[in-house]
Amino acid sequence: MTIDKTAIRDAATVIVLRDRMRNPRILMGQRGAQAAFMPNKFVFPGGAVDATDAGVPFVEPLSELCRSRLAEDTEGDLSDVLAAAAIRELWEETGQVLGRPGHWPGQVPDPWMEFAATGNRPNAGALQFVFRAITPPGRPRRFDARFFLLDADDLATDIDDFSQASDELSHLQWIPLNEVRNFDLPFITEVVLAEVAARARENTPPVSVPFFRNDDEESLFLRLKGRAMTD
């Protein structure tokens, strides 16, 4: 039996939804033709966790239910790091700020300096954990990706202004949910979109979170239920 030795990196992805009660649209961009992972595909903003994502001072923390679900089938508590990575990647790839006005205590890590310069601190409380998937074996890069749903109303920036975005994603745009399958999408993105479409007009946590766990030995479809924590 051949074992895939490609390291699996923790990652976070953000699904930003606007006009959810009228004409739901999601924010997506296209990866470059030379990208090692999913070239030319239209994807949500997101990427791997960075060491500087640890200890980021949120103005509002993740909900306890999301934290509990993120902790399932995981070694250690990565919930805050994943939330920080989601907010940072959203900022870097789209120029959109998920935050509220606030002063950063202490020294600001380098990847976060431009975010902090907007006068905002990250707001993890607006994120809703809705999906998890591990990249199957045999791919050039593998990620343990957690997908967060976000209402565009919680963004601190003009949702149509992508002038501060990096060049990692091109053709950034708001795509109507009923048209998104006309674009070149990764398979897992299509699966996630089915979940989003079913919940587009609901702003409450799902009953459970789907988890596609692709190990070297087997592929499993699990449900992360978590528990509501109390003091």
C-alpha atoms as a PDB file:
ATOM      1  CA  MET A   1       0.000   0.000   0.000  1.00  0.00           C
ATOM      2  CA  THR A   2       1.327   3.437  -0.954  1.00  0.00           C
ATOM      3  CA  ILE A   3       1.102   6.057   1.764  1.00  0.00           C
ATOM      4  CA  ASP A   4       0.712   9.695   0.748  1.00  0.00           C
ATOM      5  CA  LYS A   5       3.369  11.578   2.707  1.00  0.00           C
ATOM      6  CA  THR A   6       2.210  15.049   1.633  1.00  0.00           C
ATOM      7  CA  ALA A   7       1.883  17.093   4.798  1.00  0.00           C
ATOM      8  CA  ILE A   8      -1.661  18.150   5.650  1.00  0.00           C
ATOM      9  CA  ARG A   9      -1.786  21.821   6.648  1.00  0.00           C
ATOM     10  CA  ASP A  10      -4.520  23.420   8.701  1.00  0.00           C
ATOM     11  CA  ALA A  11      -6.401  26.024   6.681  1.00  0.00           C
ATOM     12  CA  ALA A  12      -9.403  28.330   6.857  1.00  0.00           C
ATOM     13  CA  THR A  13     -11.806  29.429   4.135  1.00  0.00           C
ATOM     14  CA  VAL A  14     -14.429  32.188   4.210  1.00  0.00           C
ATOM     15  CA  ILE A  15     -17.771  32.102   2.414  1.00  0.00           C
ATOM     16  CA  VAL A  16     -19.076  35.684   2.390  1.00  0.00           C
ATOM     17  CA  LEU A  17     -22.791  35.933   1.637  1.00  0.00           C
ATOM     18  CA  ARG A  18     -24.616  39.163   0.749  1.00  0.00           C
ATOM     19  CA  ASP A  19     -28.273  40.004   0.054  1.00  0.00           C
ATOM     20  CA  ARG A  20     -29.185  36.671   1.581  1.00  0.00           C
ATOM     21  CA  MET A  21     -32.894  37.436   1.945  1.00  0.00           C
ATOM     22  CA  ARG A  22     -33.359  38.793  -1.613  1.00  0.00           C
ATOM     23  CA  ASN A  23     -30.790  37.625  -4.146  1.00  0.00           C
ATOM     24  CA  PRO A  24     -28.052  35.662  -2.322  1.00  0.00           C
ATOM     25  CA  ARG A  25     -24.571  36.217  -3.753  1.00  0.00           C
ATOM     26  CA  ILE A  26     -21.185  34.926  -2.666  1.00  0.00           C
ATOM     27  CA  LEU A  27     -17.702  36.399  -2.957  1.00  0.00           C
ATOM     28  CA  MET A  28     -15.314  34.377  -5.128  1.00  0.00           C
ATOM     29  CA  GLY A  29     -12.172  34.877  -7.180  1.00  0.00           C
ATOM     30  CA  GLN A  30     -10.111  32.917  -9.683  1.00  0.00           C
ATOM     31  CA  ARG A  31      -6.782  31.288  -8.910  1.00  0.00           C
ATOM     32  CA  GLY A  32      -3.933  31.850 -11.340  1.00  0.00           C
ATOM     33  CA  ALA A  33      -3.120  29.470 -14.182  1.00  0.00           C
ATOM     34  CA  GLN A  34       0.311  28.766 -12.651  1.00  0.00           C
ATOM     35  CA  ALA A  35      -0.971  28.079  -9.129  1.00  0.00           C
ATOM     36  CA  ALA A  36       0.226  24.743  -7.717  1.00  0.00           C
ATOM     37  CA  PHE A  37      -3.127  24.113  -6.048  1.00  0.00           C
ATOM     38  CA  MET A  38      -6.399  24.304  -8.031  1.00  0.00           C
ATOM     39  CA  PRO A  39      -5.130  26.427 -10.962  1.00  0.00           C
ATOM     40  CA  ASN A  40      -7.763  28.469 -12.835  1.00  0.00           C
ATOM     41  CA  LYS A  41     -10.506  27.460 -10.409  1.00  0.00           C
ATOM     42  CA  PHE A  42     -12.961  29.903  -8.871  1.00  0.00           C
ATOM     43  CA  VAL A  43     -12.684  29.622  -5.095  1.00  0.00           C
ATOM     44  CA  PHE A  44     -13.603  31.285  -1.825  1.00  0.00           C
ATOM     45  CA  PRO A  45     -10.948  33.418  -0.085  1.00  0.00           C
ATOM     46  CA  GLY A  46      -8.800  31.327   2.228  1.00  0.00           C
ATOM     47  CA  GLY A  47      -5.465  29.708   2.929  1.00  0.00           C
ATOM     48  CA  ALA A  48      -3.178  28.004   5.387  1.00  0.00           C
ATOM     49  CA  VAL A  49      -2.762  28.952   9.033  1.00  0.00           C
ATOM     50  CA  ASP A  50       0.260  31.158   9.779  1.00  0.00           C
ATOM     51  CA  ALA A  51       2.254  31.094  13.005  1.00  0.00           C
ATOM     52  CA  THR A  52       1.344  34.755  13.591  1.00  0.00           C
ATOM     53  CA  ASP A  53      -2.369  33.848  13.730  1.00  0.00           C
ATOM     54  CA  ALA A  54      -1.883  32.616  17.291  1.00  0.00           C
ATOM     55  CA  GLY A  55      -2.835  35.116  19.964  1.00  0.00           C
ATOM     56  CA  VAL A  56      -4.561  37.623  17.666  1.00  0.00           C
ATOM     57  CA  PRO A  57      -6.712  39.906  19.894  1.00  0.00           C
ATOM     58  CA  PHE A  58     -10.332  39.514  18.785  1.00  0.00           C
ATOM     59  CA  VAL A  59     -12.783  42.282  19.537  1.00  0.00           C
ATOM     60  CA  GLU A  60     -15.396  39.504  19.831  1.00  0.00           C
ATOM     61  CA  PRO A  61     -14.582  35.774  20.130  1.00  0.00           C
ATOM     62  CA  LEU A  62     -16.006  32.816  18.236  1.00  0.00           C
ATOM     63  CA  SER A  63     -19.243  31.427  19.599  1.00  0.00           C
ATOM     64  CA  GLU A  64     -18.809  28.562  22.036  1.00  0.00           C
ATOM     65  CA  LEU A  65     -20.763  26.235  19.729  1.00  0.00           C
ATOM     66  CA  CYS A  66     -18.347  26.899  16.856  1.00  0.00           C
ATOM     67  CA  ARG A  67     -15.375  26.418  19.163  1.00  0.00           C
ATOM     68  CA  SER A  68     -16.786  23.096  20.344  1.00  0.00           C
ATOM     69  CA  ARG A  69     -17.350  21.826  16.819  1.00  0.00           C
ATOM     70  CA  LEU A  70     -13.915  22.951  15.667  1.00  0.00           C
ATOM     71  CA  ALA A  71     -12.393  20.975  18.543  1.00  0.00           C
ATOM     72  CA  GLU A  72     -13.984  17.673  17.447  1.00  0.00           C
ATOM     73  CA  ASP A  73     -11.648  15.156  15.797  1.00  0.00           C
ATOM     74  CA  THR A  74      -8.725  17.563  16.260  1.00  0.00           C
ATOM     75  CA  GLU A  75      -5.597  17.478  18.379  1.00  0.00           C
ATOM     76  CA  GLY A  76      -5.503  20.586  20.537  1.00  0.00           C
ATOM     77  CA  ASP A  77      -7.652  23.698  20.398  1.00  0.00           C
ATOM     78  CA  LEU A  78      -7.145  25.401  17.034  1.00  0.00           C
ATOM     79  CA  SER A  79     -10.381  27.383  17.029  1.00  0.00           C
ATOM     80  CA  ASP A  80      -8.890  30.847  17.618  1.00  0.00           C
ATOM     81  CA  VAL A  81      -6.003  30.254  15.215  1.00  0.00           C
ATOM     82  CA  LEU A  82      -8.380  29.090  12.479  1.00  0.00           C
ATOM     83  CA  ALA A  83     -10.679  32.069  12.994  1.00  0.00           C
ATOM     84  CA  ALA A  84      -7.703  34.435  12.809  1.00  0.00           C
ATOM     85  CA  ALA A  85      -6.453  32.755   9.637  1.00  0.00           C
ATOM     86  CA  ALA A  86      -9.895  33.126   8.054  1.00  0.00           C
ATOM     87  CA  ILE A  87      -9.995  36.865   8.814  1.00  0.00           C
ATOM     88  CA  ARG A  88      -6.396  37.439   7.677  1.00  0.00           C
ATOM     89  CA  GLU A  89      -6.840  35.543   4.402  1.00  0.00           C
ATOM     90  CA  LEU A  90     -10.072  37.416   3.688  1.00  0.00           C
ATOM     91  CA  TRP A  91      -8.218  40.704   4.175  1.00  0.00           C
ATOM     92  CA  GLU A  92      -5.174  39.714   2.120  1.00  0.00           C
ATOM     93  CA  GLU A  93      -7.056  38.222  -0.817  1.00  0.00           C
ATOM     94  CA  THR A  94     -10.022  40.614  -1.062  1.00  0.00           C
ATOM     95  CA  GLY A  95      -9.146  43.747   0.944  1.00  0.00           C
ATOM     96  CA  GLN A  96     -12.278  43.233   3.045  1.00  0.00           C
ATOM     97  CA  VAL A  97     -12.054  43.828   6.805  1.00  0.00           C
ATOM     98  CA  LEU A  98     -13.954  41.658   9.248  1.00  0.00           C
ATOM     99  CA  GLY A  99     -13.459  43.760  12.332  1.00  0.00           C
ATOM    100  CA  ARG A 100     -14.644  46.571  14.525  1.00  0.00           C
ATOM    101  CA  PRO A 101     -12.837  49.739  15.644  1.00  0.00           C
ATOM    102  CA  GLY A 102     -10.363  49.025  18.399  1.00  0.00           C
ATOM    103  CA  HIS A 103      -6.761  49.412  19.571  1.00  0.00           C
ATOM    104  CA  TRP A 104      -4.389  46.454  19.234  1.00  0.00           C
ATOM    105  CA  PRO A 105      -2.630  45.722  22.533  1.00  0.00           C
ATOM    106  CA  GLY A 106       1.102  45.109  22.268  1.00  0.00           C
ATOM    107  CA  GLN A 107       3.104  44.618  19.087  1.00  0.00           C
ATOM    108  CA  VAL A 108       1.202  43.814  15.896  1.00  0.00           C
ATOM    109  CA  PRO A 109       2.618  40.810  13.960  1.00  0.00           C
ATOM    110  CA  ASP A 110       3.906  41.702  10.488  1.00  0.00           C
ATOM    111  CA  PRO A 111       1.167  39.988   8.407  1.00  0.00           C
ATOM    112  CA  TRP A 112      -1.447  41.877  10.443  1.00  0.00           C
ATOM    113  CA  MET A 113       0.074  45.369  10.323  1.00  0.00           C
ATOM    114  CA  GLU A 114      -1.921  46.601   7.341  1.00  0.00           C
ATOM    115  CA  PHE A 115      -5.116  45.175   8.824  1.00  0.00           C
ATOM    116  CA  ALA A 116      -4.428  46.955  12.124  1.00  0.00           C
ATOM    117  CA  ALA A 117      -3.705  50.171  10.210  1.00  0.00           C
ATOM    118  CA  THR A 118      -7.385  50.268   9.212  1.00  0.00           C
ATOM    119  CA  GLY A 119      -8.169  50.983  12.879  1.00  0.00           C
ATOM    120  CA  ASN A 120      -9.972  47.694  13.389  1.00  0.00           C
ATOM    121  CA  ARG A 121      -9.477  44.591  15.475  1.00  0.00           C
ATOM    122  CA  PRO A 122     -10.593  41.189  14.085  1.00  0.00           C
ATOM    123  CA  ASN A 123     -14.172  40.137  14.845  1.00  0.00           C
ATOM    124  CA  ALA A 124     -14.360  36.346  15.125  1.00  0.00           C
ATOM    125  CA  GLY A 125     -17.875  36.513  16.567  1.00  0.00           C
ATOM    126  CA  ALA A 126     -19.346  37.029  13.089  1.00  0.00           C
ATOM    127  CA  LEU A 127     -17.933  33.736  11.757  1.00  0.00           C
ATOM    128  CA  GLN A 128     -20.056  30.590  11.633  1.00  0.00           C
ATOM    129  CA  PHE A 129     -18.275  27.233  11.193  1.00  0.00           C
ATOM    130  CA  VAL A 130     -20.244  25.289   8.540  1.00  0.00           C
ATOM    131  CA  PHE A 131     -17.990  22.739   6.780  1.00  0.00           C
ATOM    132  CA  ARG A 132     -14.709  20.840   7.055  1.00  0.00           C
ATOM    133  CA  ALA A 133     -12.818  18.826   4.442  1.00  0.00           C
ATOM    134  CA  ILE A 134      -9.387  17.214   4.126  1.00  0.00           C
ATOM    135  CA  THR A 135      -7.839  17.224   0.655  1.00  0.00           C
ATOM    136  CA  PRO A 136      -7.725  13.638  -0.717  1.00  0.00           C
ATOM    137  CA  PRO A 137      -4.371  11.829  -1.055  1.00  0.00           C
ATOM    138  CA  GLY A 138      -2.369  12.235  -4.244  1.00  0.00           C
ATOM    139  CA  ARG A 139      -2.757  16.010  -4.576  1.00  0.00           C
ATOM    140  CA  PRO A 140       0.318  18.302  -4.771  1.00  0.00           C
ATOM    141  CA  ARG A 141      -0.854  20.050  -1.588  1.00  0.00           C
ATOM    142  CA  ARG A 142      -3.199  18.848   1.128  1.00  0.00           C
ATOM    143  CA  PHE A 143      -5.206  20.922   3.587  1.00  0.00           C
ATOM    144  CA  ASP A 144      -7.480  20.293   6.526  1.00  0.00           C
ATOM    145  CA  ALA A 145      -9.800  23.157   5.597  1.00  0.00           C
ATOM    146  CA  ARG A 146     -12.469  24.644   7.843  1.00  0.00           C
ATOM    147  CA  PHE A 147     -15.101  26.705   6.067  1.00  0.00           C
ATOM    148  CA  PHE A 148     -16.675  29.706   7.798  1.00  0.00           C
ATOM    149  CA  LEU A 149     -19.875  31.428   6.662  1.00  0.00           C
ATOM    150  CA  LEU A 150     -20.007  35.208   7.037  1.00  0.00           C
ATOM    151  CA  ASP A 151     -22.754  37.738   6.375  1.00  0.00           C
ATOM    152  CA  ALA A 152     -21.436  40.644   4.300  1.00  0.00           C
ATOM    153  CA  ASP A 153     -23.278  43.066   6.602  1.00  0.00           C
ATOM    154  CA  ASP A 154     -20.636  42.304   9.251  1.00  0.00           C
ATOM    155  CA  LEU A 155     -17.778  43.617   7.102  1.00  0.00           C
ATOM    156  CA  ALA A 156     -16.327  46.987   8.096  1.00  0.00           C
ATOM    157  CA  THR A 157     -15.402  47.946   4.520  1.00  0.00           C
ATOM    158  CA  ASP A 158     -17.218  48.800   1.299  1.00  0.00           C
ATOM    159  CA  ILE A 159     -18.191  45.348   0.051  1.00  0.00           C
ATOM    160  CA  ASP A 160     -17.713  46.376  -3.592  1.00  0.00           C
ATOM    161  CA  ASP A 161     -14.201  47.792  -3.072  1.00  0.00           C
ATOM    162  CA  PHE A 162     -11.404  45.296  -3.763  1.00  0.00           C
ATOM    163  CA  SER A 163      -8.687  47.902  -4.248  1.00  0.00           C
ATOM    164  CA  GLN A 164      -6.696  46.632  -1.239  1.00  0.00           C
ATOM    165  CA  ALA A 165      -6.686  43.005  -2.398  1.00  0.00           C
ATOM    166  CA  SER A 166      -3.490  41.121  -3.215  1.00  0.00           C
ATOM    167  CA  ASP A 167      -3.066  39.574  -6.672  1.00  0.00           C
ATOM    168  CA  GLU A 168      -3.572  36.001  -5.439  1.00  0.00           C
ATOM    169  CA  LEU A 169      -7.158  35.931  -6.698  1.00  0.00           C
ATOM    170  CA  SER A 170      -8.284  37.639  -9.896  1.00  0.00           C
ATOM    171  CA  HIS A 171     -11.793  38.468 -11.099  1.00  0.00           C
ATOM    172  CA  LEU A 172     -13.079  39.039  -7.565  1.00  0.00           C
ATOM    173  CA  GLN A 173     -16.836  39.309  -7.797  1.00  0.00           C
ATOM    174  CA  TRP A 174     -20.172  38.664  -6.126  1.00  0.00           C
ATOM    175  CA  ILE A 175     -21.721  35.669  -7.878  1.00  0.00           C
ATOM    176  CA  PRO A 176     -25.452  34.887  -7.545  1.00  0.00           C
ATOM    177  CA  LEU A 177     -25.932  31.494  -5.917  1.00  0.00           C
ATOM    178  CA  ASN A 178     -28.199  30.381  -8.746  1.00  0.00           C
ATOM    179  CA  GLU A 179     -25.457  31.101 -11.317  1.00  0.00           C
ATOM    180  CA  VAL A 180     -22.311  29.936  -9.544  1.00  0.00           C
ATOM    181  CA  ARG A 181     -22.275  26.458 -11.090  1.00  0.00           C
ATOM    182  CA  ASN A 182     -21.617  28.077 -14.467  1.00  0.00           C
ATOM    183  CA  PHE A 183     -18.084  28.815 -13.218  1.00  0.00           C
ATOM    184  CA  ASP A 184     -15.084  26.457 -13.092  1.00  0.00           C
ATOM    185  CA  LEU A 185     -15.274  25.170  -9.509  1.00  0.00           C
ATOM    186  CA  PRO A 186     -13.370  22.548  -7.505  1.00  0.00           C
ATOM    187  CA  PHE A 187     -15.491  19.544  -6.592  1.00  0.00           C
ATOM    188  CA  ILE A 188     -15.414  20.276  -2.857  1.00  0.00           C
ATOM    189  CA  THR A 189     -16.544  23.852  -3.520  1.00  0.00           C
ATOM    190  CA  GLU A 190     -19.621  22.512  -5.289  1.00  0.00           C
ATOM    191  CA  VAL A 191     -20.380  20.343  -2.261  1.00  0.00           C
ATOM    192  CA  VAL A 192     -19.974  23.271   0.122  1.00  0.00           C
ATOM    193  CA  LEU A 193     -22.182  25.465  -2.078  1.00  0.00           C
ATOM    194  CA  ALA A 194     -25.019  22.973  -1.777  1.00  0.00           C
ATOM    195  CA  GLU A 195     -24.864  23.409   1.999  1.00  0.00           C
ATOM    196  CA  VAL A 196     -24.712  27.193   1.681  1.00  0.00           C
ATOM    197  CA  ALA A 197     -27.659  27.313  -0.728  1.00  0.00           C
ATOM    198  CA  ALA A 198     -29.751  25.311   1.727  1.00  0.00           C
ATOM    199  CA  ARG A 199     -28.919  27.784   4.499  1.00  0.00           C
ATOM    200  CA  ALA A 200     -28.732  31.037   2.535  1.00  0.00           C
ATOM    201  CA  ARG A 201     -31.739  32.591   4.232  1.00  0.00           C
ATOM    202  CA  GLU A 202     -31.000  31.221   7.711  1.00  0.00           C
ATOM    203  CA  ASN A 203     -28.547  32.996   9.973  1.00  0.00           C
ATOM    204  CA  THR A 204     -28.512  30.388  12.731  1.00  0.00           C
ATOM    205  CA  PRO A 205     -25.933  27.618  13.290  1.00  0.00           C
ATOM    206  CA  PRO A 206     -26.563  24.344  11.417  1.00  0.00           C
ATOM    207  CA  VAL A 207     -27.681  21.311  13.386  1.00  0.00           C
ATOM    208  CA  SER A 208     -24.323  19.691  12.584  1.00  0.00           C
ATOM    209  CA  VAL A 209     -21.265  20.429  10.440  1.00  0.00           C
ATOM    210  CA  PRO A 210     -20.346  18.108   7.530  1.00  0.00           C
ATOM    211  CA  PHE A 211     -16.801  16.730   7.611  1.00  0.00           C
ATOM    212  CA  PHE A 212     -15.205  14.955   4.631  1.00  0.00           C
ATOM    213  CA  ARG A 213     -12.236  13.171   6.192  1.00  0.00           C
ATOM    214  CA  ASN A 214      -9.987  11.804   3.466  1.00  0.00           C
ATOM    215  CA  ASP A 215      -7.308   9.743   5.182  1.00  0.00           C
ATOM    216  CA  ASP A 216      -4.675   7.639   3.446  1.00  0.00           C
ATOM    217  CA  GLU A 217      -6.581   4.506   4.419  1.00  0.00           C
ATOM    218  CA  GLU A 218     -10.205   5.557   3.862  1.00  0.00           C
ATOM    219  CA  SER A 219     -12.610   8.395   3.127  1.00  0.00           C
ATOM    220  CA  LEU A 220     -15.354   9.119   5.626  1.00  0.00           C
ATOM    221  CA  PHE A 221     -18.301  11.483   5.775  1.00  0.00           C
ATOM    222  CA  LEU A 222     -18.850  12.583   9.363  1.00  0.00           C
ATOM    223  CA  ARG A 223     -21.001  15.096  11.216  1.00  0.00           C
ATOM    224  CA  LEU A 224     -19.540  17.409  13.839  1.00  0.00           C
ATOM    225  CA  LYS A 225     -22.229  18.266  16.352  1.00  0.00           C
ATOM    226  CA  GLY A 226     -20.360  19.957  19.164  1.00  0.00           C
ATOM    227  CA  ARG A 227     -22.228  21.145  22.212  1.00  0.00           C
ATOM    228  CA  ALA A 228     -23.471  24.432  23.522  1.00  0.00           C
ATOM    229  CA  MET A 229     -21.135  25.366  26.383  1.00  0.00           C
ATOM    230  CA  THR A 230     -22.238  27.185  29.495  1.00  0.00           C
ATOM    231  CA  ASP A 231     -20.270  28.921  32.204  1.00  0.00           C
END
